[in-house]
């Protein structure tokens, strides 16, 4: 599987965003607030992987999620079940579109499987 994105929960979104742009040289590509008390900023460096910073009102911090691209969601789910791993959510998605599914990784890090639609 290829890493597609990494989500990090941060205490201070502006301070962290400045680090990723000014120090690491990444480009801010999107900033949004999907619900009150939750702010997200996406960054892109070289390559395809993105860094997602998440600030929420709980002031949590640390590695939150790793997004992994998969070619065939159904085959990957079957492979995981063979290894004794159950999904926590999903697969989710619109008919004919890409699907996502989630499972718990070690140490409280959520793994998001993202179906690559070619």
PDB file of N, CA and C in Angstrom:
ATOM      1  N   UNK A   1       0.839  -1.189   0.000  1.00  0.00           N
ATOM      2  CA  UNK A   1       0.000   0.000   0.000  1.00  0.00           C
ATOM      3  C   UNK A   1       0.878   1.245   0.000  1.00  0.00           C
ATOM      4  N   UNK A   2       0.402   2.256  -0.658  1.00  0.00           N
ATOM      5  CA  UNK A   2       1.123   3.519  -0.732  1.00  0.00           C
ATOM      6  C   UNK A   2       0.490   4.522   0.234  1.00  0.00           C
ATOM      7  N   UNK A   3       1.324   5.239   0.980  1.00  0.00           N
ATOM      8  CA  UNK A   3       0.813   6.279   1.877  1.00  0.00           C
ATOM      9  C   UNK A   3       0.264   7.419   1.027  1.00  0.00           C
ATOM     10  N   UNK A   4      -0.971   7.799   1.306  1.00  0.00           N
ATOM     11  CA  UNK A   4      -1.628   8.871   0.564  1.00  0.00           C
ATOM     12  C   UNK A   4      -1.662  10.161   1.373  1.00  0.00           C
ATOM     13  N   UNK A   5      -1.933  10.031   2.681  1.00  0.00           N
ATOM     14  CA  UNK A   5      -1.927  11.210   3.542  1.00  0.00           C
ATOM     15  C   UNK A   5      -1.703  10.795   4.995  1.00  0.00           C
ATOM     16  N   UNK A   6      -1.254  11.767   5.766  1.00  0.00           N
ATOM     17  CA  UNK A   6      -1.068  11.595   7.203  1.00  0.00           C
ATOM     18  C   UNK A   6      -1.794  12.750   7.870  1.00  0.00           C
ATOM     19  N   UNK A   7      -2.619  12.446   8.873  1.00  0.00           N
ATOM     20  CA  UNK A   7      -3.343  13.480   9.614  1.00  0.00           C
ATOM     21  C   UNK A   7      -2.762  13.580  11.015  1.00  0.00           C
ATOM     22  N   UNK A   8      -2.467  14.804  11.429  1.00  0.00           N
ATOM     23  CA  UNK A   8      -1.863  15.069  12.724  1.00  0.00           C
ATOM     24  C   UNK A   8      -2.754  16.035  13.482  1.00  0.00           C
ATOM     25  N   UNK A   9      -3.142  15.650  14.696  1.00  0.00           N
ATOM     26  CA  UNK A   9      -3.912  16.553  15.556  1.00  0.00           C
ATOM     27  C   UNK A   9      -2.936  17.514  16.219  1.00  0.00           C
ATOM     28  N   UNK A  10      -3.216  18.817  16.140  1.00  0.00           N
ATOM     29  CA  UNK A  10      -2.313  19.846  16.664  1.00  0.00           C
ATOM     30  C   UNK A  10      -3.034  20.730  17.674  1.00  0.00           C
ATOM     31  N   UNK A  11      -2.271  21.324  18.572  1.00  0.00           N
ATOM     32  CA  UNK A  11      -2.839  22.240  19.567  1.00  0.00           C
ATOM     33  C   UNK A  11      -3.049  23.635  18.997  1.00  0.00           C
ATOM     34  N   UNK A  12      -2.119  24.102  18.138  1.00  0.00           N
ATOM     35  CA  UNK A  12      -2.182  25.455  17.589  1.00  0.00           C
ATOM     36  C   UNK A  12      -2.009  25.370  16.081  1.00  0.00           C
ATOM     37  N   UNK A  13      -3.118  25.452  15.361  1.00  0.00           N
ATOM     38  CA  UNK A  13      -3.112  25.264  13.914  1.00  0.00           C
ATOM     39  C   UNK A  13      -2.217  26.271  13.203  1.00  0.00           C
ATOM     40  N   UNK A  14      -2.287  27.543  13.572  1.00  0.00           N
ATOM     41  CA  UNK A  14      -1.503  28.571  12.886  1.00  0.00           C
ATOM     42  C   UNK A  14       0.002  28.354  13.089  1.00  0.00           C
ATOM     43  N   UNK A  15       0.397  28.037  14.302  1.00  0.00           N
ATOM     44  CA  UNK A  15       1.811  27.786  14.598  1.00  0.00           C
ATOM     45  C   UNK A  15       2.306  26.569  13.811  1.00  0.00           C
ATOM     46  N   UNK A  16       1.512  25.503  13.786  1.00  0.00           N
ATOM     47  CA  UNK A  16       1.900  24.299  13.059  1.00  0.00           C
ATOM     48  C   UNK A  16       1.922  24.550  11.551  1.00  0.00           C
ATOM     49  N   UNK A  17       0.927  25.278  11.032  1.00  0.00           N
ATOM     50  CA  UNK A  17       0.869  25.580   9.599  1.00  0.00           C
ATOM     51  C   UNK A  17       2.104  26.360   9.169  1.00  0.00           C
ATOM     52  N   UNK A  18       2.518  27.307   9.975  1.00  0.00           N
ATOM     53  CA  UNK A  18       3.714  28.110   9.670  1.00  0.00           C
ATOM     54  C   UNK A  18       4.949  27.211   9.597  1.00  0.00           C
ATOM     55  N   UNK A  19       5.056  26.231  10.484  1.00  0.00           N
ATOM     56  CA  UNK A  19       6.183  25.295  10.461  1.00  0.00           C
ATOM     57  C   UNK A  19       6.212  24.510   9.140  1.00  0.00           C
ATOM     58  N   UNK A  20       5.060  23.978   8.725  1.00  0.00           N
ATOM     59  CA  UNK A  20       5.019  23.157   7.514  1.00  0.00           C
ATOM     60  C   UNK A  20       5.298  23.967   6.250  1.00  0.00           C
ATOM     61  N   UNK A  21       4.926  25.262   6.239  1.00  0.00           N
ATOM     62  CA  UNK A  21       5.210  26.083   5.064  1.00  0.00           C
ATOM     63  C   UNK A  21       6.593  26.719   5.134  1.00  0.00           C
ATOM     64  N   UNK A  22       6.893  27.417   6.225  1.00  0.00           N
ATOM     65  CA  UNK A  22       8.139  28.176   6.324  1.00  0.00           C
ATOM     66  C   UNK A  22       9.374  27.303   6.549  1.00  0.00           C
ATOM     67  N   UNK A  23       9.250  26.276   7.348  1.00  0.00           N
ATOM     68  CA  UNK A  23      10.407  25.440   7.679  1.00  0.00           C
ATOM     69  C   UNK A  23      10.555  24.281   6.696  1.00  0.00           C
ATOM     70  N   UNK A  24       9.452  23.568   6.434  1.00  0.00           N
ATOM     71  CA  UNK A  24       9.538  22.388   5.565  1.00  0.00           C
ATOM     72  C   UNK A  24       9.301  22.697   4.087  1.00  0.00           C
ATOM     73  N   UNK A  25       8.826  23.902   3.793  1.00  0.00           N
ATOM     74  CA  UNK A  25       8.651  24.309   2.401  1.00  0.00           C
ATOM     75  C   UNK A  25       7.460  23.678   1.696  1.00  0.00           C
ATOM     76  N   UNK A  26       6.486  23.201   2.454  1.00  0.00           N
ATOM     77  CA  UNK A  26       5.299  22.612   1.845  1.00  0.00           C
ATOM     78  C   UNK A  26       4.321  23.716   1.444  1.00  0.00           C
ATOM     79  N   UNK A  27       3.422  23.396   0.526  1.00  0.00           N
ATOM     80  CA  UNK A  27       2.447  24.366   0.045  1.00  0.00           C
ATOM     81  C   UNK A  27       1.085  24.061   0.667  1.00  0.00           C
ATOM     82  N   UNK A  28       0.461  25.090   1.234  1.00  0.00           N
ATOM     83  CA  UNK A  28      -0.899  24.929   1.750  1.00  0.00           C
ATOM     84  C   UNK A  28      -1.840  24.844   0.557  1.00  0.00           C
ATOM     85  N   UNK A  29      -2.641  23.766   0.499  1.00  0.00           N
ATOM     86  CA  UNK A  29      -3.519  23.580  -0.652  1.00  0.00           C
ATOM     87  C   UNK A  29      -5.003  23.725  -0.315  1.00  0.00           C
ATOM     88  N   UNK A  30      -5.358  23.577   0.955  1.00  0.00           N
ATOM     89  CA  UNK A  30      -6.777  23.721   1.311  1.00  0.00           C
ATOM     90  C   UNK A  30      -6.909  23.950   2.801  1.00  0.00           C
ATOM     91  N   UNK A  31      -7.870  24.787   3.161  1.00  0.00           N
ATOM     92  CA  UNK A  31      -8.172  25.082   4.561  1.00  0.00           C
ATOM     93  C   UNK A  31      -9.689  25.100   4.687  1.00  0.00           C
ATOM     94  N   UNK A  32     -10.215  24.339   5.670  1.00  0.00           N
ATOM     95  CA  UNK A  32     -11.662  24.301   5.827  1.00  0.00           C
ATOM     96  C   UNK A  32     -12.036  23.914   7.256  1.00  0.00           C
ATOM     97  N   UNK A  33     -13.305  24.160   7.567  1.00  0.00           N
ATOM     98  CA  UNK A  33     -13.850  23.839   8.883  1.00  0.00           C
ATOM     99  C   UNK A  33     -15.147  23.057   8.665  1.00  0.00           C
ATOM    100  N   UNK A  34     -15.077  21.714   8.687  1.00  0.00           N
ATOM    101  CA  UNK A  34     -16.267  20.914   8.382  1.00  0.00           C
ATOM    102  C   UNK A  34     -17.365  20.995   9.434  1.00  0.00           C
ATOM    103  N   UNK A  35     -17.023  21.435  10.643  1.00  0.00           N
ATOM    104  CA  UNK A  35     -18.009  21.617  11.703  1.00  0.00           C
ATOM    105  C   UNK A  35     -17.439  22.578  12.733  1.00  0.00           C
ATOM    106  N   UNK A  36     -18.292  23.204  13.541  1.00  0.00           N
ATOM    107  CA  UNK A  36     -17.790  24.137  14.556  1.00  0.00           C
ATOM    108  C   UNK A  36     -16.786  23.452  15.492  1.00  0.00           C
ATOM    109  N   UNK A  37     -15.688  24.146  15.762  1.00  0.00           N
ATOM    110  CA  UNK A  37     -14.662  23.613  16.660  1.00  0.00           C
ATOM    111  C   UNK A  37     -13.677  22.670  16.002  1.00  0.00           C
ATOM    112  N   UNK A  38     -13.780  22.484  14.674  1.00  0.00           N
ATOM    113  CA  UNK A  38     -12.873  21.593  13.944  1.00  0.00           C
ATOM    114  C   UNK A  38     -12.332  22.325  12.726  1.00  0.00           C
ATOM    115  N   UNK A  39     -11.001  22.498  12.689  1.00  0.00           N
ATOM    116  CA  UNK A  39     -10.351  23.194  11.584  1.00  0.00           C
ATOM    117  C   UNK A  39      -9.293  22.288  10.991  1.00  0.00           C
ATOM    118  N   UNK A  40      -9.211  22.272   9.651  1.00  0.00           N
ATOM    119  CA  UNK A  40      -8.300  21.382   8.943  1.00  0.00           C
ATOM    120  C   UNK A  40      -7.545  22.164   7.881  1.00  0.00           C
ATOM    121  N   UNK A  41      -6.240  21.885   7.759  1.00  0.00           N
ATOM    122  CA  UNK A  41      -5.418  22.463   6.701  1.00  0.00           C
ATOM    123  C   UNK A  41      -4.659  21.323   6.033  1.00  0.00           C
ATOM    124  N   UNK A  42      -4.654  21.314   4.693  1.00  0.00           N
ATOM    125  CA  UNK A  42      -3.937  20.306   3.917  1.00  0.00           C
ATOM    126  C   UNK A  42      -2.689  20.917   3.289  1.00  0.00           C
ATOM    127  N   UNK A  43      -1.591  20.171   3.338  1.00  0.00           N
ATOM    128  CA  UNK A  43      -0.311  20.605   2.770  1.00  0.00           C
ATOM    129  C   UNK A  43       0.196  19.549   1.815  1.00  0.00           C
ATOM    130  N   UNK A  44       0.925  20.009   0.806  1.00  0.00           N
ATOM    131  CA  UNK A  44       1.524  19.099  -0.165  1.00  0.00           C
ATOM    132  C   UNK A  44       2.969  19.500  -0.381  1.00  0.00           C
ATOM    133  N   UNK A  45       3.831  18.507  -0.373  1.00  0.00           N
ATOM    134  CA  UNK A  45       5.237  18.715  -0.697  1.00  0.00           C
ATOM    135  C   UNK A  45       5.498  18.057  -2.037  1.00  0.00           C
ATOM    136  N   UNK A  46       6.671  17.497  -2.208  1.00  0.00           N
ATOM    137  CA  UNK A  46       6.974  16.749  -3.417  1.00  0.00           C
ATOM    138  C   UNK A  46       6.280  15.402  -3.347  1.00  0.00           C
ATOM    139  N   UNK A  47       5.933  14.845  -4.498  1.00  0.00           N
ATOM    140  CA  UNK A  47       5.247  13.558  -4.513  1.00  0.00           C
ATOM    141  C   UNK A  47       3.759  13.727  -4.326  1.00  0.00           C
ATOM    142  N   UNK A  48       3.086  12.618  -4.061  1.00  0.00           N
ATOM    143  CA  UNK A  48       1.631  12.619  -3.987  1.00  0.00           C
ATOM    144  C   UNK A  48       1.080  12.719  -2.567  1.00  0.00           C
ATOM    145  N   UNK A  49       1.852  12.310  -1.566  1.00  0.00           N
ATOM    146  CA  UNK A  49       1.345  12.272  -0.185  1.00  0.00           C
ATOM    147  C   UNK A  49       1.084  13.679   0.337  1.00  0.00           C
ATOM    148  N   UNK A  50       0.059  13.786   1.188  1.00  0.00           N
ATOM    149  CA  UNK A  50      -0.301  15.063   1.784  1.00  0.00           C
ATOM    150  C   UNK A  50      -0.243  14.959   3.299  1.00  0.00           C
ATOM    151  N   UNK A  51      -0.030  16.116   3.948  1.00  0.00           N
ATOM    152  CA  UNK A  51      -0.086  16.221   5.402  1.00  0.00           C
ATOM    153  C   UNK A  51      -1.342  17.013   5.733  1.00  0.00           C
ATOM    154  N   UNK A  52      -2.134  16.480   6.645  1.00  0.00           N
ATOM    155  CA  UNK A  52      -3.379  17.111   7.069  1.00  0.00           C
ATOM    156  C   UNK A  52      -3.240  17.463   8.548  1.00  0.00           C
ATOM    157  N   UNK A  53      -3.361  18.744   8.864  1.00  0.00           N
ATOM    158  CA  UNK A  53      -3.332  19.180  10.257  1.00  0.00           C
ATOM    159  C   UNK A  53      -4.759  19.386  10.729  1.00  0.00           C
ATOM    160  N   UNK A  54      -5.071  18.854  11.913  1.00  0.00           N
ATOM    161  CA  UNK A  54      -6.411  18.944  12.465  1.00  0.00           C
ATOM    162  C   UNK A  54      -6.338  19.616  13.826  1.00  0.00           C
ATOM    163  N   UNK A  55      -7.097  20.689  13.980  1.00  0.00           N
ATOM    164  CA  UNK A  55      -7.208  21.369  15.274  1.00  0.00           C
ATOM    165  C   UNK A  55      -8.658  21.223  15.729  1.00  0.00           C
ATOM    166  N   UNK A  56      -8.842  20.659  16.928  1.00  0.00           N
ATOM    167  CA  UNK A  56     -10.204  20.544  17.444  1.00  0.00           C
ATOM    168  C   UNK A  56     -10.264  21.132  18.839  1.00  0.00           C
ATOM    169  N   UNK A  57     -11.455  21.333  19.321  1.00  0.00           N
ATOM    170  CA  UNK A  57     -11.633  22.018  20.606  1.00  0.00           C
ATOM    171  C   UNK A  57     -11.165  21.182  21.792  1.00  0.00           C
ATOM    172  N   UNK A  58     -10.855  19.907  21.588  1.00  0.00           N
ATOM    173  CA  UNK A  58     -10.338  19.064  22.671  1.00  0.00           C
ATOM    174  C   UNK A  58      -8.844  19.261  22.904  1.00  0.00           C
ATOM    175  N   UNK A  59      -8.183  20.031  22.020  1.00  0.00           N
ATOM    176  CA  UNK A  59      -6.739  20.291  22.100  1.00  0.00           C
ATOM    177  C   UNK A  59      -5.913  19.004  22.136  1.00  0.00           C
ATOM    178  N   UNK A  60      -6.384  17.978  21.433  1.00  0.00           N
ATOM    179  CA  UNK A  60      -5.606  16.746  21.319  1.00  0.00           C
ATOM    180  C   UNK A  60      -4.426  17.017  20.408  1.00  0.00           C
ATOM    181  N   UNK A  61      -3.381  16.198  20.539  1.00  0.00           N
ATOM    182  CA  UNK A  61      -2.261  16.333  19.619  1.00  0.00           C
ATOM    183  C   UNK A  61      -1.638  14.970  19.392  1.00  0.00           C
ATOM    184  N   UNK A  62      -0.979  14.827  18.252  1.00  0.00           N
ATOM    185  CA  UNK A  62      -0.297  13.591  17.910  1.00  0.00           C
ATOM    186  C   UNK A  62      -0.785  13.026  16.592  1.00  0.00           C
ATOM    187  N   UNK A  63      -0.156  11.930  16.184  1.00  0.00           N
ATOM    188  CA  UNK A  63      -0.535  11.274  14.935  1.00  0.00           C
ATOM    189  C   UNK A  63      -1.955  10.748  15.071  1.00  0.00           C
ATOM    190  N   UNK A  64      -2.794  11.095  14.131  1.00  0.00           N
ATOM    191  CA  UNK A  64      -4.218  10.835  14.210  1.00  0.00           C
ATOM    192  C   UNK A  64      -4.657   9.759  13.212  1.00  0.00           C
ATOM    193  N   UNK A  65      -4.165   9.847  11.980  1.00  0.00           N
ATOM    194  CA  UNK A  65      -4.635   8.975  10.917  1.00  0.00           C
ATOM    195  C   UNK A  65      -3.572   8.845   9.838  1.00  0.00           C
ATOM    196  N   UNK A  66      -3.484   7.665   9.233  1.00  0.00           N
ATOM    197  CA  UNK A  66      -2.651   7.451   8.053  1.00  0.00           C
ATOM    198  C   UNK A  66      -3.560   6.940   6.949  1.00  0.00           C
ATOM    199  N   UNK A  67      -3.601   7.643   5.827  1.00  0.00           N
ATOM    200  CA  UNK A  67      -4.397   7.229   4.671  1.00  0.00           C
ATOM    201  C   UNK A  67      -3.533   6.413   3.723  1.00  0.00           C
ATOM    202  N   UNK A  68      -4.035   5.245   3.345  1.00  0.00           N
ATOM    203  CA  UNK A  68      -3.299   4.338   2.468  1.00  0.00           C
ATOM    204  C   UNK A  68      -4.125   4.056   1.217  1.00  0.00           C
ATOM    205  N   UNK A  69      -3.501   4.152   0.037  1.00  0.00           N
ATOM    206  CA  UNK A  69      -4.181   3.851  -1.218  1.00  0.00           C
ATOM    207  C   UNK A  69      -4.201   2.347  -1.441  1.00  0.00           C
ATOM    208  N   UNK A  70      -5.354   1.826  -1.858  1.00  0.00           N
ATOM    209  CA  UNK A  70      -5.494   0.412  -2.218  1.00  0.00           C
ATOM    210  C   UNK A  70      -6.113   0.324  -3.608  1.00  0.00           C
ATOM    211  N   UNK A  71      -5.701  -0.675  -4.374  1.00  0.00           N
ATOM    212  CA  UNK A  71      -6.222  -0.842  -5.732  1.00  0.00           C
ATOM    213  C   UNK A  71      -7.619  -1.463  -5.742  1.00  0.00           C
ATOM    214  N   UNK A  72      -7.851  -2.432  -4.852  1.00  0.00           N
ATOM    215  CA  UNK A  72      -9.105  -3.179  -4.839  1.00  0.00           C
ATOM    216  C   UNK A  72      -9.602  -3.283  -3.398  1.00  0.00           C
ATOM    217  N   UNK A  73     -10.591  -2.474  -3.054  1.00  0.00           N
ATOM    218  CA  UNK A  73     -11.080  -2.411  -1.676  1.00  0.00           C
ATOM    219  C   UNK A  73     -11.582  -3.768  -1.197  1.00  0.00           C
ATOM    220  N   UNK A  74     -12.366  -4.457  -2.016  1.00  0.00           N
ATOM    221  CA  UNK A  74     -12.933  -5.740  -1.599  1.00  0.00           C
ATOM    222  C   UNK A  74     -11.841  -6.767  -1.320  1.00  0.00           C
ATOM    223  N   UNK A  75     -10.829  -6.806  -2.168  1.00  0.00           N
ATOM    224  CA  UNK A  75      -9.718  -7.742  -1.961  1.00  0.00           C
ATOM    225  C   UNK A  75      -8.953  -7.384  -0.694  1.00  0.00           C
ATOM    226  N   UNK A  76      -8.758  -6.099  -0.437  1.00  0.00           N
ATOM    227  CA  UNK A  76      -8.022  -5.674   0.762  1.00  0.00           C
ATOM    228  C   UNK A  76      -8.805  -5.994   2.028  1.00  0.00           C
ATOM    229  N   UNK A  77     -10.118  -5.804   1.993  1.00  0.00           N
ATOM    230  CA  UNK A  77     -10.947  -6.138   3.151  1.00  0.00           C
ATOM    231  C   UNK A  77     -10.871  -7.640   3.422  1.00  0.00           C
ATOM    232  N   UNK A  78     -10.925  -8.451   2.369  1.00  0.00           N
ATOM    233  CA  UNK A  78     -10.818  -9.907   2.536  1.00  0.00           C
ATOM    234  C   UNK A  78      -9.462 -10.281   3.121  1.00  0.00           C
ATOM    235  N   UNK A  79      -8.412  -9.641   2.640  1.00  0.00           N
ATOM    236  CA  UNK A  79      -7.058  -9.888   3.150  1.00  0.00           C
ATOM    237  C   UNK A  79      -6.969  -9.542   4.638  1.00  0.00           C
ATOM    238  N   UNK A  80      -7.538  -8.412   5.021  1.00  0.00           N
ATOM    239  CA  UNK A  80      -7.533  -8.006   6.427  1.00  0.00           C
ATOM    240  C   UNK A  80      -8.313  -8.993   7.296  1.00  0.00           C
ATOM    241  N   UNK A  81      -9.472  -9.430   6.815  1.00  0.00           N
ATOM    242  CA  UNK A  81     -10.282 -10.396   7.574  1.00  0.00           C
ATOM    243  C   UNK A  81      -9.510 -11.701   7.766  1.00  0.00           C
ATOM    244  N   UNK A  82      -8.757 -12.123   6.745  1.00  0.00           N
ATOM    245  CA  UNK A  82      -7.922 -13.323   6.861  1.00  0.00           C
ATOM    246  C   UNK A  82      -6.879 -13.166   7.968  1.00  0.00           C
ATOM    247  N   UNK A  83      -6.484 -11.920   8.240  1.00  0.00           N
ATOM    248  CA  UNK A  83      -5.489 -11.635   9.278  1.00  0.00           C
ATOM    249  C   UNK A  83      -6.140 -11.310  10.620  1.00  0.00           C
ATOM    250  N   UNK A  84      -7.478 -11.458  10.687  1.00  0.00           N
ATOM    251  CA  UNK A  84      -8.189 -11.217  11.936  1.00  0.00           C
ATOM    252  C   UNK A  84      -8.489  -9.754  12.216  1.00  0.00           C
ATOM    253  N   UNK A  85      -8.412  -8.910  11.198  1.00  0.00           N
ATOM    254  CA  UNK A  85      -8.656  -7.476  11.360  1.00  0.00           C
ATOM    255  C   UNK A  85     -10.048  -7.127  10.844  1.00  0.00           C
ATOM    256  N   UNK A  86     -10.818  -6.441  11.677  1.00  0.00           N
ATOM    257  CA  UNK A  86     -12.160  -5.992  11.301  1.00  0.00           C
ATOM    258  C   UNK A  86     -12.141  -4.487  11.064  1.00  0.00           C
ATOM    259  N   UNK A  87     -12.943  -4.032  10.117  1.00  0.00           N
ATOM    260  CA  UNK A  87     -13.089  -2.601   9.869  1.00  0.00           C
ATOM    261  C   UNK A  87     -13.857  -1.956  11.014  1.00  0.00           C
ATOM    262  N   UNK A  88     -13.538  -0.696  11.302  1.00  0.00           N
ATOM    263  CA  UNK A  88     -14.303   0.060  12.292  1.00  0.00           C
ATOM    264  C   UNK A  88     -15.417   0.857  11.624  1.00  0.00           C
ATOM    265  N   UNK A  89     -15.216   1.219  10.332  1.00  0.00           N
ATOM    266  CA  UNK A  89     -16.225   1.924   9.533  1.00  0.00           C
ATOM    267  C   UNK A  89     -16.012   1.576   8.073  1.00  0.00           C
ATOM    268  N   UNK A  90     -17.103   1.492   7.334  1.00  0.00           N
ATOM    269  CA  UNK A  90     -16.997   1.337   5.896  1.00  0.00           C
ATOM    270  C   UNK A  90     -17.110  -0.109   5.436  1.00  0.00           C
ATOM    271  N   UNK A  91     -16.940  -0.271   4.144  1.00  0.00           N
ATOM    272  CA  UNK A  91     -16.554   0.760   3.174  1.00  0.00           C
ATOM    273  C   UNK A  91     -17.678   1.760   2.914  1.00  0.00           C
ATOM    274  N   UNK A  92     -17.267   3.010   2.689  1.00  0.00           N
ATOM    275  CA  UNK A  92     -18.177   4.118   2.443  1.00  0.00           C
ATOM    276  C   UNK A  92     -17.846   4.729   1.091  1.00  0.00           C
ATOM    277  N   UNK A  93     -18.847   5.263   0.425  1.00  0.00           N
ATOM    278  CA  UNK A  93     -18.611   5.943  -0.843  1.00  0.00           C
ATOM    279  C   UNK A  93     -19.858   5.913  -1.693  1.00  0.00           C
ATOM    280  N   UNK A  94     -19.838   6.716  -2.734  1.00  0.00           N
ATOM    281  CA  UNK A  94     -20.960   6.783  -3.656  1.00  0.00           C
ATOM    282  C   UNK A  94     -20.820   5.681  -4.703  1.00  0.00           C
ATOM    283  N   UNK A  95     -21.937   5.135  -5.192  1.00  0.00           N
ATOM    284  CA  UNK A  95     -21.862   4.116  -6.239  1.00  0.00           C
ATOM    285  C   UNK A  95     -21.069   4.608  -7.443  1.00  0.00           C
ATOM    286  N   UNK A  96     -20.147   3.796  -7.900  1.00  0.00           N
ATOM    287  CA  UNK A  96     -19.321   4.148  -9.055  1.00  0.00           C
ATOM    288  C   UNK A  96     -18.142   5.049  -8.722  1.00  0.00           C
ATOM    289  N   UNK A  97     -18.041   5.481  -7.470  1.00  0.00           N
ATOM    290  CA  UNK A  97     -16.945   6.367  -7.074  1.00  0.00           C
ATOM    291  C   UNK A  97     -15.974   5.663  -6.144  1.00  0.00           C
ATOM    292  N   UNK A  98     -14.936   6.354  -5.734  1.00  0.00           N
ATOM    293  CA  UNK A  98     -13.966   5.745  -4.817  1.00  0.00           C
ATOM    294  C   UNK A  98     -14.607   5.469  -3.463  1.00  0.00           C
ATOM    295  N   UNK A  99     -14.113   4.454  -2.796  1.00  0.00           N
ATOM    296  CA  UNK A  99     -14.614   4.098  -1.471  1.00  0.00           C
ATOM    297  C   UNK A  99     -13.492   4.237  -0.456  1.00  0.00           C
ATOM    298  N   UNK A 100     -13.890   4.462   0.798  1.00  0.00           N
ATOM    299  CA  UNK A 100     -12.950   4.505   1.912  1.00  0.00           C
ATOM    300  C   UNK A 100     -13.443   3.558   2.993  1.00  0.00           C
ATOM    301  N   UNK A 101     -12.501   3.052   3.770  1.00  0.00           N
ATOM    302  CA  UNK A 101     -12.816   2.199   4.908  1.00  0.00           C
ATOM    303  C   UNK A 101     -11.789   2.494   5.991  1.00  0.00           C
ATOM    304  N   UNK A 102     -12.134   2.194   7.237  1.00  0.00           N
ATOM    305  CA  UNK A 102     -11.270   2.539   8.360  1.00  0.00           C
ATOM    306  C   UNK A 102     -11.055   1.332   9.264  1.00  0.00           C
ATOM    307  N   UNK A 103      -9.868   1.279   9.852  1.00  0.00           N
ATOM    308  CA  UNK A 103      -9.551   0.266  10.847  1.00  0.00           C
ATOM    309  C   UNK A 103      -8.626   0.886  11.869  1.00  0.00           C
ATOM    310  N   UNK A 104      -8.579   0.266  13.042  1.00  0.00           N
ATOM    311  CA  UNK A 104      -7.706   0.761  14.100  1.00  0.00           C
ATOM    312  C   UNK A 104      -6.327   0.147  13.961  1.00  0.00           C
ATOM    313  N   UNK A 105      -5.317   1.000  13.915  1.00  0.00           N
ATOM    314  CA  UNK A 105      -3.939   0.540  13.948  1.00  0.00           C
ATOM    315  C   UNK A 105      -3.461   0.538  15.389  1.00  0.00           C
ATOM    316  N   UNK A 106      -2.233   0.132  15.600  1.00  0.00           N
ATOM    317  CA  UNK A 106      -1.707   0.139  16.961  1.00  0.00           C
ATOM    318  C   UNK A 106      -1.540   1.569  17.483  1.00  0.00           C
ATOM    319  N   UNK A 107      -1.509   1.703  18.763  1.00  0.00           N
ATOM    320  CA  UNK A 107      -1.226   2.983  19.423  1.00  0.00           C
ATOM    321  C   UNK A 107      -2.267   4.062  19.153  1.00  0.00           C
ATOM    322  N   UNK A 108      -3.499   3.661  18.814  1.00  0.00           N
ATOM    323  CA  UNK A 108      -4.572   4.629  18.633  1.00  0.00           C
ATOM    324  C   UNK A 108      -4.542   5.380  17.320  1.00  0.00           C
ATOM    325  N   UNK A 109      -3.733   4.955  16.361  1.00  0.00           N
ATOM    326  CA  UNK A 109      -3.676   5.616  15.061  1.00  0.00           C
ATOM    327  C   UNK A 109      -4.678   4.925  14.131  1.00  0.00           C
ATOM    328  N   UNK A 110      -5.601   5.704  13.575  1.00  0.00           N
ATOM    329  CA  UNK A 110      -6.590   5.158  12.661  1.00  0.00           C
ATOM    330  C   UNK A 110      -5.974   5.014  11.271  1.00  0.00           C
ATOM    331  N   UNK A 111      -6.292   3.927  10.583  1.00  0.00           N
ATOM    332  CA  UNK A 111      -5.833   3.688   9.217  1.00  0.00           C
ATOM    333  C   UNK A 111      -7.030   3.849   8.293  1.00  0.00           C
ATOM    334  N   UNK A 112      -6.892   4.714   7.300  1.00  0.00           N
ATOM    335  CA  UNK A 112      -7.931   4.927   6.299  1.00  0.00           C
ATOM    336  C   UNK A 112      -7.485   4.268   5.003  1.00  0.00           C
ATOM    337  N   UNK A 113      -8.279   3.361   4.490  1.00  0.00           N
ATOM    338  CA  UNK A 113      -8.010   2.753   3.180  1.00  0.00           C
ATOM    339  C   UNK A 113      -8.768   3.559   2.140  1.00  0.00           C
ATOM    340  N   UNK A 114      -8.067   3.985   1.093  1.00  0.00           N
ATOM    341  CA  UNK A 114      -8.653   4.819   0.057  1.00  0.00           C
ATOM    342  C   UNK A 114      -8.523   4.082  -1.260  1.00  0.00           C
ATOM    343  N   UNK A 115      -9.654   3.714  -1.847  1.00  0.00           N
ATOM    344  CA  UNK A 115      -9.628   2.950  -3.090  1.00  0.00           C
ATOM    345  C   UNK A 115      -9.166   3.844  -4.233  1.00  0.00           C
ATOM    346  N   UNK A 116      -8.149   3.385  -4.928  1.00  0.00           N
ATOM    347  CA  UNK A 116      -7.601   4.104  -6.070  1.00  0.00           C
ATOM    348  C   UNK A 116      -8.454   3.776  -7.285  1.00  0.00           C
ATOM    349  N   UNK A 117      -9.074   4.783  -7.854  1.00  0.00           N
ATOM    350  CA  UNK A 117      -9.982   4.549  -8.980  1.00  0.00           C
ATOM    351  C   UNK A 117      -9.287   4.718 -10.330  1.00  0.00           C
ATOM    352  N   UNK A 118      -8.021   4.344 -10.385  1.00  0.00           N
ATOM    353  CA  UNK A 118      -7.320   4.339 -11.663  1.00  0.00           C
ATOM    354  C   UNK A 118      -6.622   5.613 -11.899  1.00  0.00           C
TER     355      UNK A 118
END
